[in-house]
């Protein structure tokens, strides 16, 4: 009798597995249908002129920044002040000295 019940269990598992696969497939199909609907809705909005994107492109003006030498004058003053405050090179300034990369707490 055990062989009969085990074959029933196997069949039940197969049926259950098939049902799960069908449910999963239905979910995937529904997901892709939603994606397609979203795309179609976006295309429709853009074609009908009711889309926000289309209106925003017209109303926005691109700003092109312009820079003057005066914009960097303060930065230049800070750099020259820092370079004049160094008196003589130290061991830390040697470019041939290896850098200590050990992290300590």
C-alpha atoms as a PDB file:
ATOM      1  CA  UNK A   1       0.000   0.000   0.000  1.00  0.00           C
ATOM      2  CA  UNK A   2       2.909   2.337   0.561  1.00  0.00           C
ATOM      3  CA  UNK A   3       3.832   2.238  -3.093  1.00  0.00           C
ATOM      4  CA  UNK A   4       0.319   3.376  -4.006  1.00  0.00           C
ATOM      5  CA  UNK A   5       0.357   6.260  -1.551  1.00  0.00           C
ATOM      6  CA  UNK A   6       3.836   7.362  -2.578  1.00  0.00           C
ATOM      7  CA  UNK A   7       2.821   7.466  -6.246  1.00  0.00           C
ATOM      8  CA  UNK A   8      -0.213   9.559  -5.227  1.00  0.00           C
ATOM      9  CA  UNK A   9       2.116  11.905  -3.325  1.00  0.00           C
ATOM     10  CA  UNK A  10       4.352  12.218  -6.365  1.00  0.00           C
ATOM     11  CA  UNK A  11       1.376  13.002  -8.588  1.00  0.00           C
ATOM     12  CA  UNK A  12       0.074  15.561  -6.084  1.00  0.00           C
ATOM     13  CA  UNK A  13       3.514  17.224  -5.996  1.00  0.00           C
ATOM     14  CA  UNK A  14       3.652  17.325  -9.794  1.00  0.00           C
ATOM     15  CA  UNK A  15       0.162  18.823  -9.975  1.00  0.00           C
ATOM     16  CA  UNK A  16       1.032  21.350  -7.277  1.00  0.00           C
ATOM     17  CA  UNK A  17       4.285  22.253  -9.029  1.00  0.00           C
ATOM     18  CA  UNK A  18       2.451  22.684 -12.352  1.00  0.00           C
ATOM     19  CA  UNK A  19      -0.133  24.918 -10.678  1.00  0.00           C
ATOM     20  CA  UNK A  20       2.625  27.048  -9.124  1.00  0.00           C
ATOM     21  CA  UNK A  21       4.370  27.368 -12.491  1.00  0.00           C
ATOM     22  CA  UNK A  22       1.097  28.379 -14.159  1.00  0.00           C
ATOM     23  CA  UNK A  23       0.444  30.972 -11.459  1.00  0.00           C
ATOM     24  CA  UNK A  24       3.961  32.343 -11.834  1.00  0.00           C
ATOM     25  CA  UNK A  25       3.580  32.486 -15.612  1.00  0.00           C
ATOM     26  CA  UNK A  26       0.270  34.326 -15.223  1.00  0.00           C
ATOM     27  CA  UNK A  27       1.947  36.864 -12.912  1.00  0.00           C
ATOM     28  CA  UNK A  28       4.759  37.431 -15.419  1.00  0.00           C
ATOM     29  CA  UNK A  29       2.267  37.889 -18.271  1.00  0.00           C
ATOM     30  CA  UNK A  30       0.266  40.354 -16.175  1.00  0.00           C
ATOM     31  CA  UNK A  31       3.435  42.284 -15.348  1.00  0.00           C
ATOM     32  CA  UNK A  32       4.440  42.598 -18.999  1.00  0.00           C
ATOM     33  CA  UNK A  33       0.883  43.583 -19.936  1.00  0.00           C
ATOM     34  CA  UNK A  34       1.063  46.387 -17.357  1.00  0.00           C
ATOM     35  CA  UNK A  35       4.408  47.545 -18.757  1.00  0.00           C
ATOM     36  CA  UNK A  36       2.967  47.603 -22.268  1.00  0.00           C
ATOM     37  CA  UNK A  37      -0.085  49.557 -21.081  1.00  0.00           C
ATOM     38  CA  UNK A  38       2.160  52.126 -19.412  1.00  0.00           C
ATOM     39  CA  UNK A  39       4.161  52.551 -22.619  1.00  0.00           C
ATOM     40  CA  UNK A  40       1.025  52.896 -24.724  1.00  0.00           C
ATOM     41  CA  UNK A  41      -0.392  55.466 -22.295  1.00  0.00           C
ATOM     42  CA  UNK A  42       2.829  57.472 -22.442  1.00  0.00           C
ATOM     43  CA  UNK A  43       2.876  57.376 -26.236  1.00  0.00           C
ATOM     44  CA  UNK A  44      -0.764  58.438 -26.349  1.00  0.00           C
ATOM     45  CA  UNK A  45      -0.122  61.365 -24.004  1.00  0.00           C
ATOM     46  CA  UNK A  46       2.854  62.517 -26.026  1.00  0.00           C
ATOM     47  CA  UNK A  47       0.924  62.308 -29.328  1.00  0.00           C
ATOM     48  CA  UNK A  48      -2.165  64.045 -27.969  1.00  0.00           C
ATOM     49  CA  UNK A  49      -0.160  66.971 -26.639  1.00  0.00           C
ATOM     50  CA  UNK A  50      -1.391  66.453 -23.095  1.00  0.00           C
ATOM     51  CA  UNK A  51       1.951  65.093 -21.957  1.00  0.00           C
ATOM     52  CA  UNK A  52       3.796  67.140 -19.396  1.00  0.00           C
ATOM     53  CA  UNK A  53       7.165  66.376 -20.938  1.00  0.00           C
ATOM     54  CA  UNK A  54       6.268  67.967 -24.219  1.00  0.00           C
ATOM     55  CA  UNK A  55       5.082  71.183 -22.583  1.00  0.00           C
ATOM     56  CA  UNK A  56       8.031  71.364 -20.218  1.00  0.00           C
ATOM     57  CA  UNK A  57      10.558  71.224 -23.031  1.00  0.00           C
ATOM     58  CA  UNK A  58       9.047  74.299 -24.624  1.00  0.00           C
ATOM     59  CA  UNK A  59       8.728  76.325 -21.450  1.00  0.00           C
ATOM     60  CA  UNK A  60      12.189  75.609 -20.023  1.00  0.00           C
ATOM     61  CA  UNK A  61      15.021  77.770 -21.186  1.00  0.00           C
ATOM     62  CA  UNK A  62      18.518  76.447 -20.957  1.00  0.00           C
ATOM     63  CA  UNK A  63      20.805  78.524 -18.804  1.00  0.00           C
ATOM     64  CA  UNK A  64      24.364  78.714 -19.966  1.00  0.00           C
ATOM     65  CA  UNK A  65      26.602  79.929 -17.176  1.00  0.00           C
ATOM     66  CA  UNK A  66      29.261  82.496 -17.964  1.00  0.00           C
ATOM     67  CA  UNK A  67      32.334  82.968 -15.840  1.00  0.00           C
ATOM     68  CA  UNK A  68      34.450  86.027 -15.391  1.00  0.00           C
ATOM     69  CA  UNK A  69      37.973  86.271 -14.021  1.00  0.00           C
ATOM     70  CA  UNK A  70      36.528  88.053 -10.985  1.00  0.00           C
ATOM     71  CA  UNK A  71      34.593  84.901 -10.086  1.00  0.00           C
ATOM     72  CA  UNK A  72      37.905  83.172  -9.342  1.00  0.00           C
ATOM     73  CA  UNK A  73      39.775  86.090  -7.798  1.00  0.00           C
ATOM     74  CA  UNK A  74      39.046  85.000  -4.230  1.00  0.00           C
ATOM     75  CA  UNK A  75      40.185  81.453  -4.970  1.00  0.00           C
ATOM     76  CA  UNK A  76      43.389  82.770  -6.501  1.00  0.00           C
ATOM     77  CA  UNK A  77      44.061  84.929  -3.407  1.00  0.00           C
ATOM     78  CA  UNK A  78      43.630  81.902  -1.109  1.00  0.00           C
ATOM     79  CA  UNK A  79      46.012  79.815  -3.190  1.00  0.00           C
ATOM     80  CA  UNK A  80      48.724  82.474  -3.272  1.00  0.00           C
ATOM     81  CA  UNK A  81      48.376  83.055   0.470  1.00  0.00           C
ATOM     82  CA  UNK A  82      48.756  79.346   1.151  1.00  0.00           C
ATOM     83  CA  UNK A  83      51.763  79.021  -1.112  1.00  0.00           C
ATOM     84  CA  UNK A  84      53.533  81.965   0.597  1.00  0.00           C
ATOM     85  CA  UNK A  85      52.944  80.592   4.114  1.00  0.00           C
ATOM     86  CA  UNK A  86      55.105  77.505   3.471  1.00  0.00           C
ATOM     87  CA  UNK A  87      58.625  78.286   4.522  1.00  0.00           C
ATOM     88  CA  UNK A  88      60.762  75.288   3.704  1.00  0.00           C
ATOM     89  CA  UNK A  89      60.030  71.761   2.516  1.00  0.00           C
ATOM     90  CA  UNK A  90      59.584  69.102   5.146  1.00  0.00           C
ATOM     91  CA  UNK A  91      59.961  65.330   5.033  1.00  0.00           C
ATOM     92  CA  UNK A  92      56.258  65.100   4.253  1.00  0.00           C
ATOM     93  CA  UNK A  93      56.802  67.030   1.023  1.00  0.00           C
ATOM     94  CA  UNK A  94      59.327  64.558  -0.386  1.00  0.00           C
ATOM     95  CA  UNK A  95      57.676  62.939  -3.441  1.00  0.00           C
ATOM     96  CA  UNK A  96      60.015  59.933  -3.284  1.00  0.00           C
ATOM     97  CA  UNK A  97      59.089  59.017   0.272  1.00  0.00           C
ATOM     98  CA  UNK A  98      56.534  56.182   0.470  1.00  0.00           C
ATOM     99  CA  UNK A  99      53.115  57.072   1.786  1.00  0.00           C
ATOM    100  CA  UNK A 100      51.943  55.421   4.987  1.00  0.00           C
ATOM    101  CA  UNK A 101      48.659  53.724   4.024  1.00  0.00           C
ATOM    102  CA  UNK A 102      48.122  51.857   7.287  1.00  0.00           C
ATOM    103  CA  UNK A 103      44.773  52.677   8.813  1.00  0.00           C
ATOM    104  CA  UNK A 104      44.815  52.943  12.577  1.00  0.00           C
ATOM    105  CA  UNK A 105      42.126  53.714  15.115  1.00  0.00           C
END
